Structures are given as C-alpha cells and as structure tokens.
Amino acid sequence: MGATPFVVVARGRDVLSAFRSAREDALHEHGHGGYTGTIAEKHDVTYGGWHLDDEAAARRFAIVELNADDERSQQRWTKDGPAGAVRFGVDGWVFFGLARS
C-alpha cells in the first residue's frame, strides 16, 4: 500500500472543528472504504502554531513541509501520522500530509 500527499482547505473557528469538517467532506466524497489517499484516512491533526496571512501562503508552506528532505519532516509526515495544519486569516485552515492509498 502506498502513500499519497494531500493539501486541503477548510473553514472553522478552531483546528479541530475545521479538521472534522474537512475529514467528513472527504469521507462523503471518497467513501468509507479506506485507502483513499485523502484526509479521510487521518484520525488526528497537529497544529504547530503556524499562522500565515493568506491561503496561498499557507498552501505553499504545506507543500514545502511535505517535500522537505530533513529527517524531522520525514518522521512527522507519514501515512500513519497525523495531518498537519496551517492557519490563515481568521477561520481558514490548510491541512496536509500523506495518506494511505
């Protein structure tokens, strides 16, 4: 089984409500069968306090994190680990990670 990177945007007053919304949307769209390669495969989220000005900057940050070659990033973003979260604006969130596919 492989791993597929994902980056998805959601809105919510806090990281957990936005994460649940993004995950539910993915489950609805891709089903509950597993191995979708989406945020639907994630059960936890980690927010490192990253807060950027806009969605484009948050998406760029997520992509850089996913493609980082350093050992810390490779251990953090695994298909079995949590999704990462970057906040932008007042209630915007970008979630990212690797998901089972």
PDB file of N, CA and C in Angstrom:
ATOM      1  N   MET A   1       0.837  -1.172   0.000  1.00  0.00           N
ATOM      2  CA  MET A   1       0.000   0.000   0.000  1.00  0.00           C
ATOM      3  C   MET A   1       0.887   1.243   0.000  1.00  0.00           C
ATOM      4  N   GLY A   2       0.490   2.246  -0.773  1.00  0.00           N
ATOM      5  CA  GLY A   2       1.289   3.437  -0.909  1.00  0.00           C
ATOM      6  C   GLY A   2       0.777   4.590  -0.076  1.00  0.00           C
ATOM      7  N   ALA A   3       1.404   5.728  -0.312  1.00  0.00           N
ATOM      8  CA  ALA A   3       1.019   6.955   0.375  1.00  0.00           C
ATOM      9  C   ALA A   3       0.910   8.064  -0.662  1.00  0.00           C
ATOM     10  N   THR A   4      -0.121   8.876  -0.526  1.00  0.00           N
ATOM     11  CA  THR A   4      -0.377   9.978  -1.438  1.00  0.00           C
ATOM     12  C   THR A   4      -0.413  11.279  -0.653  1.00  0.00           C
ATOM     13  N   PRO A   5       0.306  12.309  -1.111  1.00  0.00           N
ATOM     14  CA  PRO A   5       0.237  13.601  -0.420  1.00  0.00           C
ATOM     15  C   PRO A   5      -1.104  14.288  -0.686  1.00  0.00           C
ATOM     16  N   PHE A   6      -1.574  15.022   0.305  1.00  0.00           N
ATOM     17  CA  PHE A   6      -2.799  15.802   0.132  1.00  0.00           C
ATOM     18  C   PHE A   6      -2.612  17.174   0.760  1.00  0.00           C
ATOM     19  N   VAL A   7      -3.301  18.150   0.215  1.00  0.00           N
ATOM     20  CA  VAL A   7      -3.399  19.505   0.756  1.00  0.00           C
ATOM     21  C   VAL A   7      -4.847  19.913   0.549  1.00  0.00           C
ATOM     22  N   VAL A   8      -5.531  20.268   1.641  1.00  0.00           N
ATOM     23  CA  VAL A   8      -6.956  20.589   1.560  1.00  0.00           C
ATOM     24  C   VAL A   8      -7.260  21.802   2.439  1.00  0.00           C
ATOM     25  N   VAL A   9      -8.196  22.616   2.009  1.00  0.00           N
ATOM     26  CA  VAL A   9      -8.581  23.834   2.725  1.00  0.00           C
ATOM     27  C   VAL A   9      -9.931  23.626   3.390  1.00  0.00           C
ATOM     28  N   ALA A  10     -10.070  24.123   4.613  1.00  0.00           N
ATOM     29  CA  ALA A  10     -11.344  24.070   5.329  1.00  0.00           C
ATOM     30  C   ALA A  10     -11.489  25.333   6.171  1.00  0.00           C
ATOM     31  N   ARG A  11     -12.702  25.597   6.589  1.00  0.00           N
ATOM     32  CA  ARG A  11     -13.003  26.737   7.459  1.00  0.00           C
ATOM     33  C   ARG A  11     -13.496  26.225   8.796  1.00  0.00           C
ATOM     34  N   GLY A  12     -13.153  26.944   9.844  1.00  0.00           N
ATOM     35  CA  GLY A  12     -13.625  26.586  11.172  1.00  0.00           C
ATOM     36  C   GLY A  12     -13.043  27.511  12.211  1.00  0.00           C
ATOM     37  N   ARG A  13     -13.732  27.652  13.328  1.00  0.00           N
ATOM     38  CA  ARG A  13     -13.283  28.581  14.367  1.00  0.00           C
ATOM     39  C   ARG A  13     -12.029  28.074  15.080  1.00  0.00           C
ATOM     40  N   ASP A  14     -11.815  26.748  15.044  1.00  0.00           N
ATOM     41  CA  ASP A  14     -10.608  26.176  15.648  1.00  0.00           C
ATOM     42  C   ASP A  14     -10.143  24.993  14.805  1.00  0.00           C
ATOM     43  N   VAL A  15      -8.949  24.519  15.087  1.00  0.00           N
ATOM     44  CA  VAL A  15      -8.336  23.475  14.267  1.00  0.00           C
ATOM     45  C   VAL A  15      -9.151  22.188  14.268  1.00  0.00           C
ATOM     46  N   LEU A  16      -9.710  21.802  15.401  1.00  0.00           N
ATOM     47  CA  LEU A  16     -10.449  20.536  15.453  1.00  0.00           C
ATOM     48  C   LEU A  16     -11.761  20.590  14.684  1.00  0.00           C
ATOM     49  N   SER A  17     -12.501  21.684  14.777  1.00  0.00           N
ATOM     50  CA  SER A  17     -13.756  21.761  14.032  1.00  0.00           C
ATOM     51  C   SER A  17     -13.490  21.819  12.525  1.00  0.00           C
ATOM     52  N   ALA A  18     -12.462  22.530  12.110  1.00  0.00           N
ATOM     53  CA  ALA A  18     -12.113  22.593  10.689  1.00  0.00           C
ATOM     54  C   ALA A  18     -11.622  21.228  10.199  1.00  0.00           C
ATOM     55  N   PHE A  19     -10.816  20.534  11.013  1.00  0.00           N
ATOM     56  CA  PHE A  19     -10.320  19.205  10.648  1.00  0.00           C
ATOM     57  C   PHE A  19     -11.478  18.224  10.475  1.00  0.00           C
ATOM     58  N   ARG A  20     -12.397  18.236  11.431  1.00  0.00           N
ATOM     59  CA  ARG A  20     -13.551  17.328  11.339  1.00  0.00           C
ATOM     60  C   ARG A  20     -14.372  17.607  10.083  1.00  0.00           C
ATOM     61  N   SER A  21     -14.544  18.874   9.760  1.00  0.00           N
ATOM     62  CA  SER A  21     -15.290  19.244   8.565  1.00  0.00           C
ATOM     63  C   SER A  21     -14.594  18.752   7.297  1.00  0.00           C
ATOM     64  N   ALA A  22     -13.279  18.974   7.206  1.00  0.00           N
ATOM     65  CA  ALA A  22     -12.518  18.540   6.031  1.00  0.00           C
ATOM     66  C   ALA A  22     -12.550  17.015   5.899  1.00  0.00           C
ATOM     67  N   ARG A  23     -12.424  16.327   7.012  1.00  0.00           N
ATOM     68  CA  ARG A  23     -12.423  14.862   7.005  1.00  0.00           C
ATOM     69  C   ARG A  23     -13.794  14.319   6.604  1.00  0.00           C
ATOM     70  N   GLU A  24     -14.844  14.899   7.156  1.00  0.00           N
ATOM     71  CA  GLU A  24     -16.206  14.462   6.802  1.00  0.00           C
ATOM     72  C   GLU A  24     -16.495  14.703   5.323  1.00  0.00           C
ATOM     73  N   ASP A  25     -16.054  15.839   4.796  1.00  0.00           N
ATOM     74  CA  ASP A  25     -16.240  16.114   3.367  1.00  0.00           C
ATOM     75  C   ASP A  25     -15.538  15.057   2.519  1.00  0.00           C
ATOM     76  N   ALA A  26     -14.314  14.689   2.894  1.00  0.00           N
ATOM     77  CA  ALA A  26     -13.554  13.679   2.147  1.00  0.00           C
ATOM     78  C   ALA A  26     -14.203  12.303   2.259  1.00  0.00           C
ATOM     79  N   LEU A  27     -14.693  11.960   3.444  1.00  0.00           N
ATOM     80  CA  LEU A  27     -15.385  10.676   3.612  1.00  0.00           C
ATOM     81  C   LEU A  27     -16.639  10.623   2.745  1.00  0.00           C
ATOM     82  N   HIS A  28     -17.362  11.726   2.701  1.00  0.00           N
ATOM     83  CA  HIS A  28     -18.571  11.790   1.884  1.00  0.00           C
ATOM     84  C   HIS A  28     -18.232  11.645   0.403  1.00  0.00           C
ATOM     85  N   GLU A  29     -17.171  12.321  -0.029  1.00  0.00           N
ATOM     86  CA  GLU A  29     -16.807  12.319  -1.441  1.00  0.00           C
ATOM     87  C   GLU A  29     -16.128  11.031  -1.886  1.00  0.00           C
ATOM     88  N   HIS A  30     -15.298  10.442  -1.013  1.00  0.00           N
ATOM     89  CA  HIS A  30     -14.486   9.288  -1.419  1.00  0.00           C
ATOM     90  C   HIS A  30     -14.907   7.972  -0.778  1.00  0.00           C
ATOM     91  N   GLY A  31     -15.867   8.013   0.124  1.00  0.00           N
ATOM     92  CA  GLY A  31     -16.349   6.791   0.753  1.00  0.00           C
ATOM     93  C   GLY A  31     -15.580   6.430   2.006  1.00  0.00           C
ATOM     94  N   HIS A  32     -16.066   5.391   2.680  1.00  0.00           N
ATOM     95  CA  HIS A  32     -15.502   4.952   3.953  1.00  0.00           C
ATOM     96  C   HIS A  32     -14.668   3.683   3.799  1.00  0.00           C
ATOM     97  N   GLY A  33     -14.319   3.329   2.580  1.00  0.00           N
ATOM     98  CA  GLY A  33     -13.634   2.063   2.328  1.00  0.00           C
ATOM     99  C   GLY A  33     -12.156   2.051   2.654  1.00  0.00           C
ATOM    100  N   GLY A  34     -11.570   3.198   2.913  1.00  0.00           N
ATOM    101  CA  GLY A  34     -10.144   3.263   3.223  1.00  0.00           C
ATOM    102  C   GLY A  34      -9.282   3.395   1.980  1.00  0.00           C
ATOM    103  N   TYR A  35      -8.023   3.728   2.216  1.00  0.00           N
ATOM    104  CA  TYR A  35      -7.023   3.847   1.156  1.00  0.00           C
ATOM    105  C   TYR A  35      -7.431   4.839   0.075  1.00  0.00           C
ATOM    106  N   THR A  36      -8.004   5.969   0.483  1.00  0.00           N
ATOM    107  CA  THR A  36      -8.465   6.979  -0.467  1.00  0.00           C
ATOM    108  C   THR A  36      -7.373   7.961  -0.888  1.00  0.00           C
ATOM    109  N   GLY A  37      -6.286   8.017  -0.124  1.00  0.00           N
ATOM    110  CA  GLY A  37      -5.247   8.992  -0.413  1.00  0.00           C
ATOM    111  C   GLY A  37      -5.646  10.407  -0.047  1.00  0.00           C
ATOM    112  N   THR A  38      -6.635  10.541   0.844  1.00  0.00           N
ATOM    113  CA  THR A  38      -7.144  11.855   1.228  1.00  0.00           C
ATOM    114  C   THR A  38      -7.085  12.028   2.748  1.00  0.00           C
ATOM    115  N   ILE A  39      -7.507  13.193   3.197  1.00  0.00           N
ATOM    116  CA  ILE A  39      -7.573  13.473   4.625  1.00  0.00           C
ATOM    117  C   ILE A  39      -8.548  12.535   5.343  1.00  0.00           C
ATOM    118  N   ALA A  40      -9.401  11.851   4.593  1.00  0.00           N
ATOM    119  CA  ALA A  40     -10.338  10.892   5.193  1.00  0.00           C
ATOM    120  C   ALA A  40      -9.595   9.801   5.963  1.00  0.00           C
ATOM    121  N   GLU A  41      -8.348   9.533   5.612  1.00  0.00           N
ATOM    122  CA  GLU A  41      -7.562   8.477   6.268  1.00  0.00           C
ATOM    123  C   GLU A  41      -6.943   8.942   7.590  1.00  0.00           C
ATOM    124  N   LYS A  42      -7.006  10.214   7.883  1.00  0.00           N
ATOM    125  CA  LYS A  42      -6.384  10.761   9.092  1.00  0.00           C
ATOM    126  C   LYS A  42      -7.366  10.799  10.253  1.00  0.00           C
ATOM    127  N   HIS A  43      -6.849  10.472  11.431  1.00  0.00           N
ATOM    128  CA  HIS A  43      -7.678  10.483  12.636  1.00  0.00           C
ATOM    129  C   HIS A  43      -7.243  11.551  13.628  1.00  0.00           C
ATOM    130  N   ASP A  44      -6.064  12.123  13.393  1.00  0.00           N
ATOM    131  CA  ASP A  44      -5.520  13.154  14.277  1.00  0.00           C
ATOM    132  C   ASP A  44      -4.941  14.286  13.446  1.00  0.00           C
ATOM    133  N   VAL A  45      -4.777  15.423  14.105  1.00  0.00           N
ATOM    134  CA  VAL A  45      -4.185  16.588  13.453  1.00  0.00           C
ATOM    135  C   VAL A  45      -3.207  17.230  14.437  1.00  0.00           C
ATOM    136  N   THR A  46      -2.143  17.800  13.898  1.00  0.00           N
ATOM    137  CA  THR A  46      -1.200  18.541  14.725  1.00  0.00           C
ATOM    138  C   THR A  46      -1.068  19.954  14.170  1.00  0.00           C
ATOM    139  N   TYR A  47      -1.143  20.922  15.069  1.00  0.00           N
ATOM    140  CA  TYR A  47      -1.034  22.327  14.693  1.00  0.00           C
ATOM    141  C   TYR A  47       0.159  22.905  15.422  1.00  0.00           C
ATOM    142  N   GLY A  48       1.164  23.302  14.659  1.00  0.00           N
ATOM    143  CA  GLY A  48       2.400  23.814  15.242  1.00  0.00           C
ATOM    144  C   GLY A  48       2.389  25.305  15.513  1.00  0.00           C
ATOM    145  N   GLY A  49       1.221  25.937  15.496  1.00  0.00           N
ATOM    146  CA  GLY A  49       1.135  27.372  15.740  1.00  0.00           C
ATOM    147  C   GLY A  49       1.385  28.212  14.503  1.00  0.00           C
ATOM    148  N   TRP A  50       1.475  27.572  13.340  1.00  0.00           N
ATOM    149  CA  TRP A  50       1.720  28.312  12.102  1.00  0.00           C
ATOM    150  C   TRP A  50       0.476  29.101  11.719  1.00  0.00           C
ATOM    151  N   HIS A  51       0.631  30.409  11.530  1.00  0.00           N
ATOM    152  CA  HIS A  51      -0.481  31.278  11.141  1.00  0.00           C
ATOM    153  C   HIS A  51       0.035  32.236  10.074  1.00  0.00           C
ATOM    154  N   LEU A  52      -0.452  32.071   8.862  1.00  0.00           N
ATOM    155  CA  LEU A  52       0.005  32.887   7.743  1.00  0.00           C
ATOM    156  C   LEU A  52      -1.110  33.824   7.289  1.00  0.00           C
ATOM    157  N   ASP A  53      -0.740  34.798   6.463  1.00  0.00           N
ATOM    158  CA  ASP A  53      -1.683  35.851   6.075  1.00  0.00           C
ATOM    159  C   ASP A  53      -2.793  35.391   5.145  1.00  0.00           C
ATOM    160  N   ASP A  54      -2.460  34.502   4.202  1.00  0.00           N
ATOM    161  CA  ASP A  54      -3.478  34.127   3.221  1.00  0.00           C
ATOM    162  C   ASP A  54      -3.371  32.659   2.826  1.00  0.00           C
ATOM    163  N   GLU A  55      -4.388  32.206   2.102  1.00  0.00           N
ATOM    164  CA  GLU A  55      -4.464  30.802   1.704  1.00  0.00           C
ATOM    165  C   GLU A  55      -3.285  30.376   0.834  1.00  0.00           C
ATOM    166  N   ALA A  56      -2.885  31.219  -0.096  1.00  0.00           N
ATOM    167  CA  ALA A  56      -1.784  30.862  -0.995  1.00  0.00           C
ATOM    168  C   ALA A  56      -0.495  30.619  -0.209  1.00  0.00           C
ATOM    169  N   ALA A  57      -0.209  31.469   0.751  1.00  0.00           N
ATOM    170  CA  ALA A  57       0.988  31.301   1.574  1.00  0.00           C
ATOM    171  C   ALA A  57       0.898  30.023   2.413  1.00  0.00           C
ATOM    172  N   ALA A  58      -0.288  29.736   2.937  1.00  0.00           N
ATOM    173  CA  ALA A  58      -0.480  28.524   3.742  1.00  0.00           C
ATOM    174  C   ALA A  58      -0.312  27.277   2.883  1.00  0.00           C
ATOM    175  N   ARG A  59      -0.814  27.299   1.664  1.00  0.00           N
ATOM    176  CA  ARG A  59      -0.641  26.159   0.752  1.00  0.00           C
ATOM    177  C   ARG A  59       0.841  25.954   0.409  1.00  0.00           C
ATOM    178  N   ARG A  60       1.551  27.062   0.139  1.00  0.00           N
ATOM    179  CA  ARG A  60       2.986  26.953  -0.163  1.00  0.00           C
ATOM    180  C   ARG A  60       3.736  26.357   1.015  1.00  0.00           C
ATOM    181  N   PHE A  61       3.408  26.799   2.226  1.00  0.00           N
ATOM    182  CA  PHE A  61       4.042  26.266   3.431  1.00  0.00           C
ATOM    183  C   PHE A  61       3.819  24.758   3.520  1.00  0.00           C
ATOM    184  N   ALA A  62       2.578  24.322   3.307  1.00  0.00           N
ATOM    185  CA  ALA A  62       2.254  22.897   3.392  1.00  0.00           C
ATOM    186  C   ALA A  62       3.057  22.087   2.379  1.00  0.00           C
ATOM    187  N   ILE A  63       3.160  22.587   1.172  1.00  0.00           N
ATOM    188  CA  ILE A  63       3.896  21.868   0.124  1.00  0.00           C
ATOM    189  C   ILE A  63       5.379  21.784   0.459  1.00  0.00           C
ATOM    190  N   VAL A  64       5.933  22.868   0.973  1.00  0.00           N
ATOM    191  CA  VAL A  64       7.345  22.850   1.384  1.00  0.00           C
ATOM    192  C   VAL A  64       7.562  21.824   2.491  1.00  0.00           C
ATOM    193  N   GLU A  65       6.672  21.799   3.483  1.00  0.00           N
ATOM    194  CA  GLU A  65       6.778  20.817   4.579  1.00  0.00           C
ATOM    195  C   GLU A  65       6.724  19.397   4.048  1.00  0.00           C
ATOM    196  N   LEU A  66       5.811  19.122   3.143  1.00  0.00           N
ATOM    197  CA  LEU A  66       5.670  17.768   2.606  1.00  0.00           C
ATOM    198  C   LEU A  66       6.878  17.337   1.791  1.00  0.00           C
ATOM    199  N   ASN A  67       7.543  18.294   1.153  1.00  0.00           N
ATOM    200  CA  ASN A  67       8.680  17.972   0.299  1.00  0.00           C
ATOM    201  C   ASN A  67      10.028  18.132   0.987  1.00  0.00           C
ATOM    202  N   ALA A  68      10.026  18.513   2.257  1.00  0.00           N
ATOM    203  CA  ALA A  68      11.288  18.724   2.972  1.00  0.00           C
ATOM    204  C   ALA A  68      12.081  17.423   3.069  1.00  0.00           C
ATOM    205  N   ASP A  69      13.372  17.555   2.918  1.00  0.00           N
ATOM    206  CA  ASP A  69      14.258  16.395   2.960  1.00  0.00           C
ATOM    207  C   ASP A  69      14.819  16.118   4.341  1.00  0.00           C
ATOM    208  N   ASP A  70      14.565  17.004   5.293  1.00  0.00           N
ATOM    209  CA  ASP A  70      15.167  16.817   6.602  1.00  0.00           C
ATOM    210  C   ASP A  70      14.472  15.675   7.357  1.00  0.00           C
ATOM    211  N   GLU A  71      15.206  15.071   8.255  1.00  0.00           N
ATOM    212  CA  GLU A  71      14.731  13.892   8.986  1.00  0.00           C
ATOM    213  C   GLU A  71      13.487  14.183   9.819  1.00  0.00           C
ATOM    214  N   ARG A  72      13.430  15.355  10.442  1.00  0.00           N
ATOM    215  CA  ARG A  72      12.280  15.704  11.276  1.00  0.00           C
ATOM    216  C   ARG A  72      10.976  15.688  10.475  1.00  0.00           C
ATOM    217  N   SER A  73      10.987  16.295   9.300  1.00  0.00           N
ATOM    218  CA  SER A  73       9.785  16.332   8.463  1.00  0.00           C
ATOM    219  C   SER A  73       9.409  14.935   7.984  1.00  0.00           C
ATOM    220  N   GLN A  74      10.399  14.133   7.628  1.00  0.00           N
ATOM    221  CA  GLN A  74      10.112  12.786   7.154  1.00  0.00           C
ATOM    222  C   GLN A  74       9.515  11.913   8.245  1.00  0.00           C
ATOM    223  N   GLN A  75       9.895  12.156   9.489  1.00  0.00           N
ATOM    224  CA  GLN A  75       9.322  11.393  10.598  1.00  0.00           C
ATOM    225  C   GLN A  75       7.943  11.913  10.981  1.00  0.00           C
ATOM    226  N   ARG A  76       7.712  13.198  10.804  1.00  0.00           N
ATOM    227  CA  ARG A  76       6.440  13.809  11.199  1.00  0.00           C
ATOM    228  C   ARG A  76       5.329  13.501  10.212  1.00  0.00           C
ATOM    229  N   TRP A  77       5.599  13.632   8.923  1.00  0.00           N
ATOM    230  CA  TRP A  77       4.551  13.485   7.911  1.00  0.00           C
ATOM    231  C   TRP A  77       4.631  12.102   7.287  1.00  0.00           C
ATOM    232  N   THR A  78       3.986  11.147   7.936  1.00  0.00           N
ATOM    233  CA  THR A  78       3.932   9.779   7.440  1.00  0.00           C
ATOM    234  C   THR A  78       2.483   9.409   7.178  1.00  0.00           C
ATOM    235  N   LYS A  79       2.280   8.330   6.433  1.00  0.00           N
ATOM    236  CA  LYS A  79       0.905   7.922   6.139  1.00  0.00           C
ATOM    237  C   LYS A  79       0.161   7.470   7.386  1.00  0.00           C
ATOM    238  N   ASP A  80       0.882   7.100   8.439  1.00  0.00           N
ATOM    239  CA  ASP A  80       0.240   6.675   9.682  1.00  0.00           C
ATOM    240  C   ASP A  80       0.177   7.782  10.727  1.00  0.00           C
ATOM    241  N   GLY A  81       0.830   8.896  10.473  1.00  0.00           N
ATOM    242  CA  GLY A  81       0.862  10.002  11.430  1.00  0.00           C
ATOM    243  C   GLY A  81      -0.303  10.958  11.248  1.00  0.00           C
ATOM    244  N   PRO A  82      -0.323  12.010  12.044  1.00  0.00           N
ATOM    245  CA  PRO A  82      -1.414  12.988  11.959  1.00  0.00           C
ATOM    246  C   PRO A  82      -1.286  13.879  10.729  1.00  0.00           C
ATOM    247  N   ALA A  83      -2.364  14.552  10.404  1.00  0.00           N
ATOM    248  CA  ALA A  83      -2.335  15.599   9.387  1.00  0.00           C
ATOM    249  C   ALA A  83      -1.700  16.833  10.026  1.00  0.00           C
ATOM    250  N   GLY A  84      -1.070  17.646   9.217  1.00  0.00           N
ATOM    251  CA  GLY A  84      -0.557  18.924   9.686  1.00  0.00           C
ATOM    252  C   GLY A  84      -1.588  20.008   9.408  1.00  0.00           C
ATOM    253  N   ALA A  85      -1.501  21.109  10.139  1.00  0.00           N
ATOM    254  CA  ALA A  85      -2.440  22.212   9.948  1.00  0.00           C
ATOM    255  C   ALA A  85      -1.709  23.546   9.959  1.00  0.00           C
ATOM    256  N   VAL A  86      -2.105  24.420   9.051  1.00  0.00           N
ATOM    257  CA  VAL A  86      -1.616  25.790   8.970  1.00  0.00           C
ATOM    258  C   VAL A  86      -2.834  26.697   8.966  1.00  0.00           C
ATOM    259  N   ARG A  87      -2.832  27.685   9.824  1.00  0.00           N
ATOM    260  CA  ARG A  87      -3.960  28.623   9.872  1.00  0.00           C
ATOM    261  C   ARG A  87      -3.678  29.808   8.961  1.00  0.00           C
ATOM    262  N   PHE A  88      -4.740  30.325   8.350  1.00  0.00           N
ATOM    263  CA  PHE A  88      -4.617  31.577   7.600  1.00  0.00           C
ATOM    264  C   PHE A  88      -5.872  32.400   7.840  1.00  0.00           C
ATOM    265  N   GLY A  89      -5.695  33.704   7.843  1.00  0.00           N
ATOM    266  CA  GLY A  89      -6.821  34.586   8.080  1.00  0.00           C
ATOM    267  C   GLY A  89      -7.464  34.337   9.434  1.00  0.00           C
ATOM    268  N   VAL A  90      -8.766  34.571   9.514  1.00  0.00           N
ATOM    269  CA  VAL A  90      -9.497  34.435  10.771  1.00  0.00           C
ATOM    270  C   VAL A  90      -9.923  32.995  11.026  1.00  0.00           C
ATOM    271  N   ASP A  91     -10.468  32.320  10.004  1.00  0.00           N
ATOM    272  CA  ASP A  91     -11.007  30.984  10.221  1.00  0.00           C
ATOM    273  C   ASP A  91     -10.604  29.986   9.143  1.00  0.00           C
ATOM    274  N   GLY A  92      -9.545  30.295   8.407  1.00  0.00           N
ATOM    275  CA  GLY A  92      -9.092  29.406   7.342  1.00  0.00           C
ATOM    276  C   GLY A  92      -8.001  28.457   7.818  1.00  0.00           C
ATOM    277  N   TRP A  93      -8.050  27.240   7.313  1.00  0.00           N
ATOM    278  CA  TRP A  93      -7.067  26.210   7.670  1.00  0.00           C
ATOM    279  C   TRP A  93      -6.664  25.437   6.429  1.00  0.00           C
ATOM    280  N   VAL A  94      -5.379  25.160   6.310  1.00  0.00           N
ATOM    281  CA  VAL A  94      -4.871  24.251   5.287  1.00  0.00           C
ATOM    282  C   VAL A  94      -4.373  23.019   6.019  1.00  0.00           C
ATOM    283  N   PHE A  95      -4.893  21.872   5.640  1.00  0.00           N
ATOM    284  CA  PHE A  95      -4.452  20.595   6.198  1.00  0.00           C
ATOM    285  C   PHE A  95      -3.629  19.876   5.152  1.00  0.00           C
ATOM    286  N   PHE A  96      -2.609  19.162   5.612  1.00  0.00           N
ATOM    287  CA  PHE A  96      -1.723  18.493   4.677  1.00  0.00           C
ATOM    288  C   PHE A  96      -1.137  17.243   5.310  1.00  0.00           C
ATOM    289  N   GLY A  97      -0.626  16.373   4.474  1.00  0.00           N
ATOM    290  CA  GLY A  97       0.024  15.169   4.977  1.00  0.00           C
ATOM    291  C   GLY A  97       0.110  14.110   3.909  1.00  0.00           C
ATOM    292  N   LEU A  98       0.435  12.913   4.342  1.00  0.00           N
ATOM    293  CA  LEU A  98       0.451  11.741   3.487  1.00  0.00           C
ATOM    294  C   LEU A  98      -0.656  10.823   3.961  1.00  0.00           C
ATOM    295  N   ALA A  99      -1.376  10.235   3.023  1.00  0.00           N
ATOM    296  CA  ALA A  99      -2.495   9.355   3.368  1.00  0.00           C
ATOM    297  C   ALA A  99      -2.353   8.017   2.647  1.00  0.00           C
ATOM    298  N   ARG A 100      -2.830   6.975   3.298  1.00  0.00           N
ATOM    299  CA  ARG A 100      -2.818   5.652   2.696  1.00  0.00           C
ATOM    300  C   ARG A 100      -3.598   5.656   1.372  1.00  0.00           C
ATOM    301  N   SER A 101      -3.001   5.010   0.389  1.00  0.00           N
ATOM    302  CA  SER A 101      -3.672   4.922  -0.911  1.00  0.00           C
ATOM    303  C   SER A 101      -3.440   3.558  -1.530  1.00  0.00           C
TER     304      SER A 101
END
